[in-house]
Amino acid sequence: MDLPRKILLTTSRNPTPRIRTFCHDFAKVLPSVSYVNRGKMSNDNMAEKAIEYDADRVVIVDRWHGGLGVLRFFIVTESGLTEASPTIHFAAKLQRELGVSNVKPAVSMRLQAPNKSDELASLAVSLSGFLGLPISPEEQEHKPALTMMSISRDKSGKIEVTFMDEPRHVELGPRITVSKLEW
């Protein structure tokens, strides 16, 4: 199994407190992620900061209509940041809203997705490649990782991304509900 990629996580330039909290929650459940306050850094400065952290990927959490809402993925290149697909528009339940506290940083993770070729599978393949995580279909027997990212559909049919402590079968949060994918 490949080691997870080193990823720099940051916010848009004027983040809300909810965006900052989401970033802290998200950084805890993903292995090899470093959260950095953006401040006034441009995308070029973000690329330099990523190189400082030995990261080859950057995730920016942007505002959408004034609140939490967009995950944008970038690959660090010699010329700066290059946007990767997809851009994810989302809503989230934070760890505190799920009643979760004292989450320890993730050490290992696997991604679980349905074994179908549809939008869920495309998202799983994209996130797996970007984050450097192995995918295991729901039906497949697997050796448990410490943390599992699961991509599924909620009761209303929307794509939902959840994070679980596999050995204890406890949801860690944040719970991400996707409203739109831009490929």
N, C-alpha and C. Protein backbone atom coordinates (compact mmCIF):
# COMPACT_ATOMS: atom_id res chain seq x y z
N MET A 1 0.84 -1.18 0.00
CA MET A 1 0.00 0.00 0.00
C MET A 1 0.88 1.24 0.00
N ASP A 2 0.49 2.22 -0.84
CA ASP A 2 1.22 3.48 -0.88
C ASP A 2 0.98 4.28 0.38
N LEU A 3 1.98 5.06 0.75
CA LEU A 3 1.80 5.97 1.87
C LEU A 3 0.88 7.10 1.44
N PRO A 4 0.07 7.64 2.35
CA PRO A 4 -0.78 8.77 1.97
C PRO A 4 0.07 9.94 1.52
N ARG A 5 -0.47 10.70 0.60
CA ARG A 5 0.23 11.90 0.12
C ARG A 5 0.25 12.95 1.22
N LYS A 6 1.26 13.80 1.19
CA LYS A 6 1.29 14.93 2.12
C LYS A 6 0.45 16.05 1.51
N ILE A 7 -0.47 16.55 2.31
CA ILE A 7 -1.44 17.52 1.82
C ILE A 7 -1.48 18.72 2.75
N LEU A 8 -1.54 19.90 2.15
CA LEU A 8 -1.71 21.13 2.90
C LEU A 8 -3.17 21.54 2.80
N LEU A 9 -3.81 21.78 3.92
CA LEU A 9 -5.21 22.17 3.98
C LEU A 9 -5.27 23.61 4.45
N THR A 10 -6.05 24.43 3.75
CA THR A 10 -6.21 25.82 4.14
C THR A 10 -7.60 26.31 3.78
N THR A 11 -7.85 27.59 4.04
CA THR A 11 -9.17 28.18 3.83
C THR A 11 -9.11 29.21 2.72
N SER A 12 -10.28 29.76 2.42
CA SER A 12 -10.34 30.93 1.55
C SER A 12 -9.74 32.11 2.34
N ARG A 13 -9.64 33.26 1.73
CA ARG A 13 -8.96 34.38 2.39
C ARG A 13 -9.71 34.93 3.60
N ASN A 14 -11.02 34.93 3.58
CA ASN A 14 -11.79 35.47 4.71
C ASN A 14 -12.70 34.37 5.26
N PRO A 15 -12.13 33.41 5.98
CA PRO A 15 -12.94 32.28 6.43
C PRO A 15 -13.86 32.65 7.59
N THR A 16 -14.97 31.98 7.64
CA THR A 16 -15.87 32.12 8.78
C THR A 16 -15.35 31.21 9.89
N PRO A 17 -15.79 31.42 11.12
CA PRO A 17 -15.40 30.48 12.18
C PRO A 17 -15.81 29.03 11.86
N ARG A 18 -16.93 28.85 11.18
CA ARG A 18 -17.39 27.50 10.81
C ARG A 18 -16.42 26.84 9.82
N ILE A 19 -15.89 27.62 8.88
CA ILE A 19 -14.91 27.08 7.92
C ILE A 19 -13.65 26.66 8.67
N ARG A 20 -13.18 27.48 9.60
CA ARG A 20 -11.98 27.14 10.38
C ARG A 20 -12.21 25.85 11.18
N THR A 21 -13.37 25.74 11.81
CA THR A 21 -13.68 24.53 12.59
C THR A 21 -13.75 23.31 11.68
N PHE A 22 -14.38 23.46 10.51
CA PHE A 22 -14.42 22.35 9.56
C PHE A 22 -13.00 21.91 9.19
N CYS A 23 -12.12 22.87 8.92
CA CYS A 23 -10.73 22.54 8.55
C CYS A 23 -10.02 21.78 9.68
N HIS A 24 -10.22 22.21 10.92
CA HIS A 24 -9.60 21.50 12.05
C HIS A 24 -10.14 20.06 12.13
N ASP A 25 -11.46 19.90 11.98
CA ASP A 25 -12.07 18.56 12.01
C ASP A 25 -11.55 17.70 10.86
N PHE A 26 -11.52 18.28 9.66
CA PHE A 26 -11.10 17.56 8.45
C PHE A 26 -9.64 17.13 8.55
N ALA A 27 -8.79 18.02 9.08
CA ALA A 27 -7.36 17.70 9.21
C ALA A 27 -7.13 16.55 10.18
N LYS A 28 -7.98 16.41 11.19
CA LYS A 28 -7.82 15.32 12.16
C LYS A 28 -8.12 13.95 11.57
N VAL A 29 -9.09 13.89 10.65
CA VAL A 29 -9.51 12.57 10.15
C VAL A 29 -8.74 12.11 8.92
N LEU A 30 -8.01 13.00 8.28
CA LEU A 30 -7.22 12.61 7.10
C LEU A 30 -5.75 12.47 7.49
N PRO A 31 -5.13 11.34 7.15
CA PRO A 31 -3.71 11.19 7.47
C PRO A 31 -2.85 12.10 6.59
N SER A 32 -1.72 12.52 7.13
CA SER A 32 -0.73 13.31 6.40
C SER A 32 -1.24 14.65 5.91
N VAL A 33 -2.15 15.27 6.68
CA VAL A 33 -2.68 16.59 6.33
C VAL A 33 -2.20 17.60 7.36
N SER A 34 -1.69 18.72 6.86
CA SER A 34 -1.30 19.83 7.73
C SER A 34 -2.23 21.00 7.45
N TYR A 35 -2.84 21.55 8.50
CA TYR A 35 -3.72 22.71 8.35
C TYR A 35 -2.91 23.97 8.59
N VAL A 36 -3.05 24.93 7.70
CA VAL A 36 -2.34 26.20 7.79
C VAL A 36 -3.34 27.34 7.62
N ASN A 37 -3.28 28.33 8.51
CA ASN A 37 -4.09 29.53 8.33
C ASN A 37 -3.60 30.26 7.09
N ARG A 38 -4.50 30.63 6.22
CA ARG A 38 -4.11 31.24 4.95
C ARG A 38 -3.70 32.69 5.09
N GLY A 39 -4.43 33.46 5.85
CA GLY A 39 -4.11 34.88 5.94
C GLY A 39 -4.25 35.54 4.59
N LYS A 40 -3.24 36.30 4.19
CA LYS A 40 -3.29 37.03 2.91
C LYS A 40 -2.52 36.34 1.80
N MET A 41 -2.17 35.07 2.01
CA MET A 41 -1.37 34.36 1.00
C MET A 41 -2.11 34.19 -0.32
N SER A 42 -1.41 34.45 -1.41
CA SER A 42 -1.94 34.19 -2.75
C SER A 42 -1.77 32.70 -3.05
N ASN A 43 -2.29 32.28 -4.20
CA ASN A 43 -2.10 30.87 -4.59
C ASN A 43 -0.63 30.54 -4.78
N ASP A 44 0.16 31.50 -5.31
CA ASP A 44 1.59 31.27 -5.46
C ASP A 44 2.26 31.10 -4.11
N ASN A 45 1.86 31.91 -3.13
CA ASN A 45 2.39 31.76 -1.77
C ASN A 45 1.97 30.43 -1.16
N MET A 46 0.75 29.99 -1.48
CA MET A 46 0.27 28.69 -0.97
C MET A 46 1.13 27.56 -1.55
N ALA A 47 1.52 27.68 -2.81
CA ALA A 47 2.38 26.66 -3.43
C ALA A 47 3.73 26.63 -2.71
N GLU A 48 4.27 27.79 -2.40
CA GLU A 48 5.55 27.85 -1.67
C GLU A 48 5.41 27.26 -0.27
N LYS A 49 4.29 27.56 0.41
CA LYS A 49 4.04 27.02 1.75
C LYS A 49 3.90 25.50 1.68
N ALA A 50 3.25 24.99 0.64
CA ALA A 50 3.11 23.54 0.47
C ALA A 50 4.49 22.89 0.33
N ILE A 51 5.36 23.50 -0.44
CA ILE A 51 6.71 22.96 -0.61
C ILE A 51 7.46 22.98 0.72
N GLU A 52 7.27 24.05 1.52
CA GLU A 52 7.86 24.11 2.86
C GLU A 52 7.43 22.92 3.72
N TYR A 53 6.17 22.53 3.58
CA TYR A 53 5.61 21.43 4.36
C TYR A 53 5.83 20.07 3.69
N ASP A 54 6.56 20.06 2.58
CA ASP A 54 6.83 18.84 1.83
C ASP A 54 5.53 18.21 1.31
N ALA A 55 4.57 19.07 0.96
CA ALA A 55 3.27 18.61 0.46
C ALA A 55 3.22 18.78 -1.05
N ASP A 56 2.62 17.81 -1.73
CA ASP A 56 2.49 17.92 -3.18
C ASP A 56 1.04 18.18 -3.59
N ARG A 57 0.17 18.35 -2.60
CA ARG A 57 -1.25 18.62 -2.84
C ARG A 57 -1.72 19.72 -1.89
N VAL A 58 -2.72 20.50 -2.33
CA VAL A 58 -3.32 21.54 -1.50
C VAL A 58 -4.84 21.41 -1.63
N VAL A 59 -5.54 21.50 -0.49
CA VAL A 59 -7.00 21.55 -0.48
C VAL A 59 -7.39 22.90 0.13
N ILE A 60 -8.23 23.64 -0.61
CA ILE A 60 -8.71 24.93 -0.12
C ILE A 60 -10.21 24.81 0.13
N VAL A 61 -10.61 25.21 1.33
CA VAL A 61 -12.04 25.23 1.69
C VAL A 61 -12.51 26.66 1.48
N ASP A 62 -13.38 26.84 0.51
CA ASP A 62 -13.88 28.17 0.14
C ASP A 62 -15.28 28.41 0.65
N ARG A 63 -15.63 29.68 0.69
CA ARG A 63 -17.00 30.08 1.03
C ARG A 63 -17.88 29.87 -0.20
N TRP A 64 -19.15 29.65 0.07
CA TRP A 64 -20.14 29.59 -1.00
C TRP A 64 -21.38 30.26 -0.47
N HIS A 65 -21.80 31.32 -1.10
CA HIS A 65 -22.95 32.11 -0.65
C HIS A 65 -22.81 32.51 0.82
N GLY A 66 -21.59 32.92 1.20
CA GLY A 66 -21.35 33.45 2.54
C GLY A 66 -21.05 32.43 3.62
N GLY A 67 -21.10 31.16 3.32
CA GLY A 67 -20.85 30.16 4.36
C GLY A 67 -19.96 29.04 3.87
N LEU A 68 -19.91 27.99 4.66
CA LEU A 68 -19.14 26.79 4.33
C LEU A 68 -19.67 26.24 3.02
N GLY A 69 -18.79 25.76 2.16
CA GLY A 69 -19.38 25.23 0.96
C GLY A 69 -18.60 24.67 -0.18
N VAL A 70 -17.31 24.94 -0.38
CA VAL A 70 -16.63 24.43 -1.57
C VAL A 70 -15.26 23.87 -1.20
N LEU A 71 -15.00 22.64 -1.65
CA LEU A 71 -13.67 22.02 -1.53
C LEU A 71 -13.03 22.09 -2.90
N ARG A 72 -11.86 22.74 -2.96
CA ARG A 72 -11.12 22.83 -4.22
C ARG A 72 -9.78 22.13 -4.03
N PHE A 73 -9.41 21.30 -4.98
CA PHE A 73 -8.21 20.48 -4.91
C PHE A 73 -7.18 20.98 -5.90
N PHE A 74 -5.91 21.05 -5.45
CA PHE A 74 -4.83 21.54 -6.29
C PHE A 74 -3.61 20.62 -6.19
N ILE A 75 -2.89 20.52 -7.29
CA ILE A 75 -1.62 19.81 -7.33
C ILE A 75 -0.53 20.87 -7.41
N VAL A 76 0.52 20.70 -6.60
CA VAL A 76 1.63 21.65 -6.60
C VAL A 76 2.55 21.30 -7.77
N THR A 77 2.78 22.29 -8.65
CA THR A 77 3.68 22.11 -9.78
C THR A 77 4.77 23.17 -9.70
N GLU A 78 5.73 23.09 -10.60
CA GLU A 78 6.81 24.08 -10.63
C GLU A 78 6.27 25.49 -10.89
N SER A 79 5.15 25.58 -11.62
CA SER A 79 4.60 26.89 -11.95
C SER A 79 3.53 27.36 -10.96
N GLY A 80 3.31 26.61 -9.88
CA GLY A 80 2.33 27.03 -8.87
C GLY A 80 1.32 25.94 -8.59
N LEU A 81 0.06 26.34 -8.41
CA LEU A 81 -1.01 25.38 -8.12
C LEU A 81 -1.83 25.14 -9.38
N THR A 82 -2.08 23.86 -9.67
CA THR A 82 -2.92 23.47 -10.79
C THR A 82 -4.16 22.81 -10.23
N GLU A 83 -5.34 23.32 -10.59
CA GLU A 83 -6.58 22.79 -10.04
C GLU A 83 -6.86 21.39 -10.57
N ALA A 84 -7.31 20.52 -9.68
CA ALA A 84 -7.67 19.14 -10.02
C ALA A 84 -9.18 18.98 -9.86
N SER A 85 -9.73 18.00 -10.54
CA SER A 85 -11.17 17.73 -10.46
C SER A 85 -11.45 16.70 -9.39
N PRO A 86 -12.62 16.71 -8.84
CA PRO A 86 -13.70 17.67 -9.03
C PRO A 86 -13.64 18.78 -7.99
N THR A 87 -14.41 19.82 -8.22
CA THR A 87 -14.68 20.82 -7.19
C THR A 87 -15.96 20.33 -6.52
N ILE A 88 -15.97 20.32 -5.19
CA ILE A 88 -17.11 19.76 -4.45
C ILE A 88 -17.83 20.87 -3.70
N HIS A 89 -19.10 21.07 -4.03
CA HIS A 89 -19.96 21.98 -3.27
C HIS A 89 -20.64 21.12 -2.21
N PHE A 90 -20.64 21.59 -0.96
CA PHE A 90 -21.10 20.72 0.11
C PHE A 90 -21.66 21.48 1.30
N ALA A 91 -22.33 20.72 2.15
CA ALA A 91 -22.72 21.17 3.49
C ALA A 91 -22.07 20.17 4.43
N ALA A 92 -21.89 20.53 5.70
CA ALA A 92 -21.23 19.60 6.62
C ALA A 92 -21.81 19.70 8.02
N LYS A 93 -21.79 18.56 8.69
CA LYS A 93 -22.04 18.52 10.13
C LYS A 93 -20.68 18.39 10.77
N LEU A 94 -20.36 19.30 11.65
CA LEU A 94 -19.06 19.31 12.32
C LEU A 94 -19.01 18.26 13.42
N GLN A 95 -17.81 17.96 13.89
CA GLN A 95 -17.65 16.96 14.95
C GLN A 95 -18.49 17.32 16.18
N ARG A 96 -18.47 18.58 16.58
CA ARG A 96 -19.23 18.97 17.77
C ARG A 96 -20.73 18.79 17.57
N GLU A 97 -21.22 18.97 16.32
CA GLU A 97 -22.64 18.80 16.02
C GLU A 97 -23.04 17.32 16.03
N LEU A 98 -22.06 16.46 15.81
CA LEU A 98 -22.30 15.02 15.85
C LEU A 98 -22.07 14.46 17.26
N GLY A 99 -21.67 15.32 18.18
CA GLY A 99 -21.41 14.89 19.55
C GLY A 99 -20.10 14.15 19.72
N VAL A 100 -19.15 14.43 18.82
CA VAL A 100 -17.84 13.77 18.84
C VAL A 100 -16.81 14.72 19.44
N SER A 101 -15.96 14.20 20.30
CA SER A 101 -14.88 15.03 20.85
C SER A 101 -13.62 14.18 21.01
N ASN A 102 -12.52 14.85 21.21
CA ASN A 102 -11.22 14.19 21.44
C ASN A 102 -10.84 13.21 20.33
N VAL A 103 -11.00 13.64 19.08
CA VAL A 103 -10.60 12.80 17.95
C VAL A 103 -9.09 12.89 17.80
N LYS A 104 -8.45 11.72 17.80
CA LYS A 104 -7.00 11.68 17.60
C LYS A 104 -6.70 11.74 16.11
N PRO A 105 -5.59 12.36 15.72
CA PRO A 105 -5.24 12.44 14.30
C PRO A 105 -5.14 11.05 13.66
N ALA A 106 -5.67 10.94 12.43
CA ALA A 106 -5.66 9.67 11.71
C ALA A 106 -4.24 9.26 11.35
N VAL A 107 -3.97 7.96 11.46
CA VAL A 107 -2.67 7.41 11.11
C VAL A 107 -2.77 6.64 9.79
N SER A 108 -3.82 5.84 9.65
CA SER A 108 -4.03 5.11 8.41
C SER A 108 -5.49 5.23 8.02
N MET A 109 -5.75 5.13 6.71
CA MET A 109 -7.12 5.28 6.24
C MET A 109 -7.30 4.48 4.96
N ARG A 110 -8.52 4.04 4.78
CA ARG A 110 -8.91 3.46 3.50
C ARG A 110 -10.22 4.10 3.09
N LEU A 111 -10.51 4.02 1.81
CA LEU A 111 -11.72 4.63 1.28
C LEU A 111 -12.65 3.50 0.87
N GLN A 112 -13.91 3.57 1.29
CA GLN A 112 -14.89 2.55 0.94
C GLN A 112 -15.96 3.18 0.07
N ALA A 113 -16.27 2.52 -1.06
CA ALA A 113 -17.29 3.03 -1.97
C ALA A 113 -18.02 1.86 -2.60
N PRO A 114 -19.24 2.07 -3.06
CA PRO A 114 -19.98 1.00 -3.73
C PRO A 114 -19.22 0.52 -4.96
N ASN A 115 -19.40 -0.74 -5.29
CA ASN A 115 -18.71 -1.35 -6.42
C ASN A 115 -19.54 -1.19 -7.69
N LYS A 116 -19.89 0.04 -8.03
CA LYS A 116 -20.68 0.34 -9.22
C LYS A 116 -19.93 1.41 -10.02
N SER A 117 -20.22 1.48 -11.30
CA SER A 117 -19.60 2.54 -12.09
C SER A 117 -20.62 3.66 -12.26
N ASP A 118 -20.63 4.58 -11.32
CA ASP A 118 -21.52 5.74 -11.38
C ASP A 118 -20.79 6.93 -10.78
N GLU A 119 -21.55 7.95 -10.42
CA GLU A 119 -20.98 9.18 -9.87
C GLU A 119 -20.20 8.92 -8.57
N LEU A 120 -20.71 7.99 -7.74
CA LEU A 120 -20.02 7.66 -6.50
C LEU A 120 -18.65 7.04 -6.78
N ALA A 121 -18.63 6.13 -7.72
CA ALA A 121 -17.36 5.47 -8.08
C ALA A 121 -16.37 6.47 -8.66
N SER A 122 -16.86 7.38 -9.51
CA SER A 122 -15.97 8.40 -10.09
C SER A 122 -15.38 9.28 -9.01
N LEU A 123 -16.23 9.69 -8.04
CA LEU A 123 -15.74 10.51 -6.93
C LEU A 123 -14.73 9.73 -6.10
N ALA A 124 -15.01 8.46 -5.84
CA ALA A 124 -14.10 7.63 -5.04
C ALA A 124 -12.74 7.50 -5.73
N VAL A 125 -12.74 7.25 -7.02
CA VAL A 125 -11.48 7.10 -7.76
C VAL A 125 -10.70 8.42 -7.73
N SER A 126 -11.40 9.53 -7.92
CA SER A 126 -10.75 10.83 -7.91
C SER A 126 -10.14 11.14 -6.54
N LEU A 127 -10.93 10.95 -5.46
CA LEU A 127 -10.42 11.22 -4.12
C LEU A 127 -9.30 10.26 -3.73
N SER A 128 -9.43 9.00 -4.13
CA SER A 128 -8.39 8.02 -3.84
C SER A 128 -7.06 8.44 -4.47
N GLY A 129 -7.12 8.85 -5.72
CA GLY A 129 -5.90 9.28 -6.41
C GLY A 129 -5.31 10.53 -5.80
N PHE A 130 -6.16 11.49 -5.48
CA PHE A 130 -5.68 12.76 -4.93
C PHE A 130 -5.10 12.56 -3.53
N LEU A 131 -5.82 11.80 -2.69
CA LEU A 131 -5.39 11.62 -1.30
C LEU A 131 -4.40 10.47 -1.12
N GLY A 132 -4.23 9.64 -2.15
CA GLY A 132 -3.32 8.50 -2.04
C GLY A 132 -3.86 7.41 -1.12
N LEU A 133 -5.18 7.18 -1.18
CA LEU A 133 -5.82 6.18 -0.31
C LEU A 133 -6.25 4.96 -1.11
N PRO A 134 -6.14 3.77 -0.53
CA PRO A 134 -6.64 2.59 -1.22
C PRO A 134 -8.17 2.56 -1.15
N ILE A 135 -8.79 2.03 -2.23
CA ILE A 135 -10.25 1.88 -2.26
C ILE A 135 -10.59 0.43 -2.02
N SER A 136 -11.61 0.20 -1.21
CA SER A 136 -12.12 -1.16 -1.08
C SER A 136 -13.64 -1.10 -1.22
N PRO A 137 -14.20 -1.92 -2.12
CA PRO A 137 -15.65 -1.96 -2.29
C PRO A 137 -16.33 -2.43 -1.02
N GLU A 138 -17.61 -2.07 -0.85
CA GLU A 138 -18.38 -2.45 0.33
C GLU A 138 -18.41 -3.96 0.54
N GLU A 139 -18.54 -4.70 -0.55
CA GLU A 139 -18.72 -6.14 -0.44
C GLU A 139 -17.42 -6.89 -0.14
N GLN A 140 -16.29 -6.26 -0.36
CA GLN A 140 -15.00 -6.94 -0.26
C GLN A 140 -14.56 -7.09 1.19
N GLU A 141 -14.03 -8.26 1.51
CA GLU A 141 -13.42 -8.46 2.83
C GLU A 141 -12.15 -7.61 2.87
N HIS A 142 -11.87 -7.03 3.99
CA HIS A 142 -10.69 -6.16 4.08
C HIS A 142 -10.10 -6.23 5.47
N LYS A 143 -8.85 -5.84 5.51
CA LYS A 143 -8.18 -5.68 6.79
C LYS A 143 -8.49 -4.27 7.27
N PRO A 144 -9.08 -4.12 8.45
CA PRO A 144 -9.48 -2.78 8.89
C PRO A 144 -8.32 -1.81 9.01
N ALA A 145 -8.57 -0.59 8.57
CA ALA A 145 -7.64 0.51 8.82
C ALA A 145 -8.13 1.18 10.09
N LEU A 146 -7.38 2.12 10.59
CA LEU A 146 -7.83 2.82 11.79
C LEU A 146 -8.99 3.75 11.49
N THR A 147 -8.98 4.35 10.30
CA THR A 147 -10.04 5.26 9.89
C THR A 147 -10.52 4.87 8.50
N MET A 148 -11.83 5.00 8.29
CA MET A 148 -12.39 4.70 6.98
C MET A 148 -13.18 5.90 6.49
N MET A 149 -12.93 6.29 5.25
CA MET A 149 -13.75 7.30 4.58
C MET A 149 -14.74 6.54 3.73
N SER A 150 -16.02 6.79 3.93
CA SER A 150 -17.05 6.07 3.20
C SER A 150 -17.82 7.05 2.31
N ILE A 151 -18.02 6.65 1.06
CA ILE A 151 -18.80 7.45 0.12
C ILE A 151 -20.06 6.66 -0.20
N SER A 152 -21.21 7.26 0.07
CA SER A 152 -22.48 6.58 -0.14
C SER A 152 -23.55 7.62 -0.45
N ARG A 153 -24.79 7.17 -0.54
CA ARG A 153 -25.92 8.09 -0.72
C ARG A 153 -26.75 8.10 0.55
N ASP A 154 -27.20 9.28 0.95
CA ASP A 154 -28.06 9.37 2.12
C ASP A 154 -29.50 9.03 1.72
N LYS A 155 -30.43 9.14 2.64
CA LYS A 155 -31.83 8.76 2.39
C LYS A 155 -32.47 9.58 1.28
N SER A 156 -32.02 10.82 1.11
CA SER A 156 -32.59 11.66 0.06
C SER A 156 -31.88 11.48 -1.29
N GLY A 157 -30.87 10.62 -1.35
CA GLY A 157 -30.16 10.36 -2.59
C GLY A 157 -28.93 11.22 -2.83
N LYS A 158 -28.61 12.11 -1.89
CA LYS A 158 -27.42 12.95 -2.03
C LYS A 158 -26.17 12.16 -1.65
N ILE A 159 -25.06 12.51 -2.27
CA ILE A 159 -23.78 11.87 -1.94
C ILE A 159 -23.36 12.33 -0.55
N GLU A 160 -22.92 11.37 0.26
CA GLU A 160 -22.48 11.67 1.62
C GLU A 160 -21.11 11.04 1.85
N VAL A 161 -20.22 11.82 2.44
CA VAL A 161 -18.88 11.34 2.79
C VAL A 161 -18.80 11.34 4.31
N THR A 162 -18.54 10.17 4.87
CA THR A 162 -18.42 10.05 6.33
C THR A 162 -17.08 9.46 6.69
N PHE A 163 -16.66 9.71 7.92
CA PHE A 163 -15.39 9.21 8.44
C PHE A 163 -15.69 8.39 9.68
N MET A 164 -15.17 7.16 9.71
CA MET A 164 -15.46 6.24 10.82
C MET A 164 -14.17 5.76 11.47
N ASP A 165 -14.21 5.60 12.79
CA ASP A 165 -13.17 4.88 13.51
C ASP A 165 -13.56 3.42 13.34
N GLU A 166 -12.83 2.71 12.46
CA GLU A 166 -13.23 1.35 12.10
C GLU A 166 -13.23 0.36 13.26
N PRO A 167 -12.18 0.32 14.05
CA PRO A 167 -12.20 -0.70 15.11
C PRO A 167 -13.38 -0.53 16.07
N ARG A 168 -13.77 0.72 16.35
CA ARG A 168 -14.85 0.96 17.31
C ARG A 168 -16.20 1.17 16.63
N HIS A 169 -16.24 1.29 15.29
CA HIS A 169 -17.47 1.55 14.53
C HIS A 169 -18.18 2.81 15.03
N VAL A 170 -17.40 3.91 15.16
CA VAL A 170 -17.92 5.18 15.64
C VAL A 170 -17.66 6.24 14.57
N GLU A 171 -18.69 7.03 14.26
CA GLU A 171 -18.50 8.11 13.30
C GLU A 171 -17.67 9.21 13.95
N LEU A 172 -16.65 9.67 13.21
CA LEU A 172 -15.74 10.70 13.72
C LEU A 172 -16.14 12.10 13.29
N GLY A 173 -16.81 12.22 12.15
CA GLY A 173 -17.12 13.53 11.61
C GLY A 173 -15.87 14.13 10.96
N PRO A 174 -15.99 15.19 10.23
CA PRO A 174 -17.23 15.80 9.82
C PRO A 174 -17.99 14.93 8.82
N ARG A 175 -19.31 15.12 8.74
CA ARG A 175 -20.13 14.42 7.76
C ARG A 175 -20.39 15.41 6.63
N ILE A 176 -19.95 15.07 5.43
CA ILE A 176 -20.03 15.96 4.27
C ILE A 176 -21.17 15.50 3.36
N THR A 177 -22.09 16.41 3.06
CA THR A 177 -23.18 16.12 2.13
C THR A 177 -22.93 16.94 0.87
N VAL A 178 -22.73 16.25 -0.24
CA VAL A 178 -22.36 16.90 -1.50
C VAL A 178 -23.62 17.42 -2.18
N SER A 179 -23.60 18.71 -2.54
CA SER A 179 -24.74 19.26 -3.26
C SER A 179 -24.46 19.33 -4.76
N LYS A 180 -23.18 19.42 -5.13
CA LYS A 180 -22.83 19.51 -6.55
C LYS A 180 -21.38 19.14 -6.77
N LEU A 181 -21.11 18.41 -7.83
CA LEU A 181 -19.74 18.09 -8.25
C LEU A 181 -19.48 18.78 -9.57
N GLU A 182 -18.36 19.49 -9.67
CA GLU A 182 -17.96 20.11 -10.94
C GLU A 182 -16.72 19.40 -11.45
N TRP A 183 -16.87 18.72 -12.55
CA TRP A 183 -15.75 17.96 -13.13
C TRP A 183 -15.06 18.84 -14.10
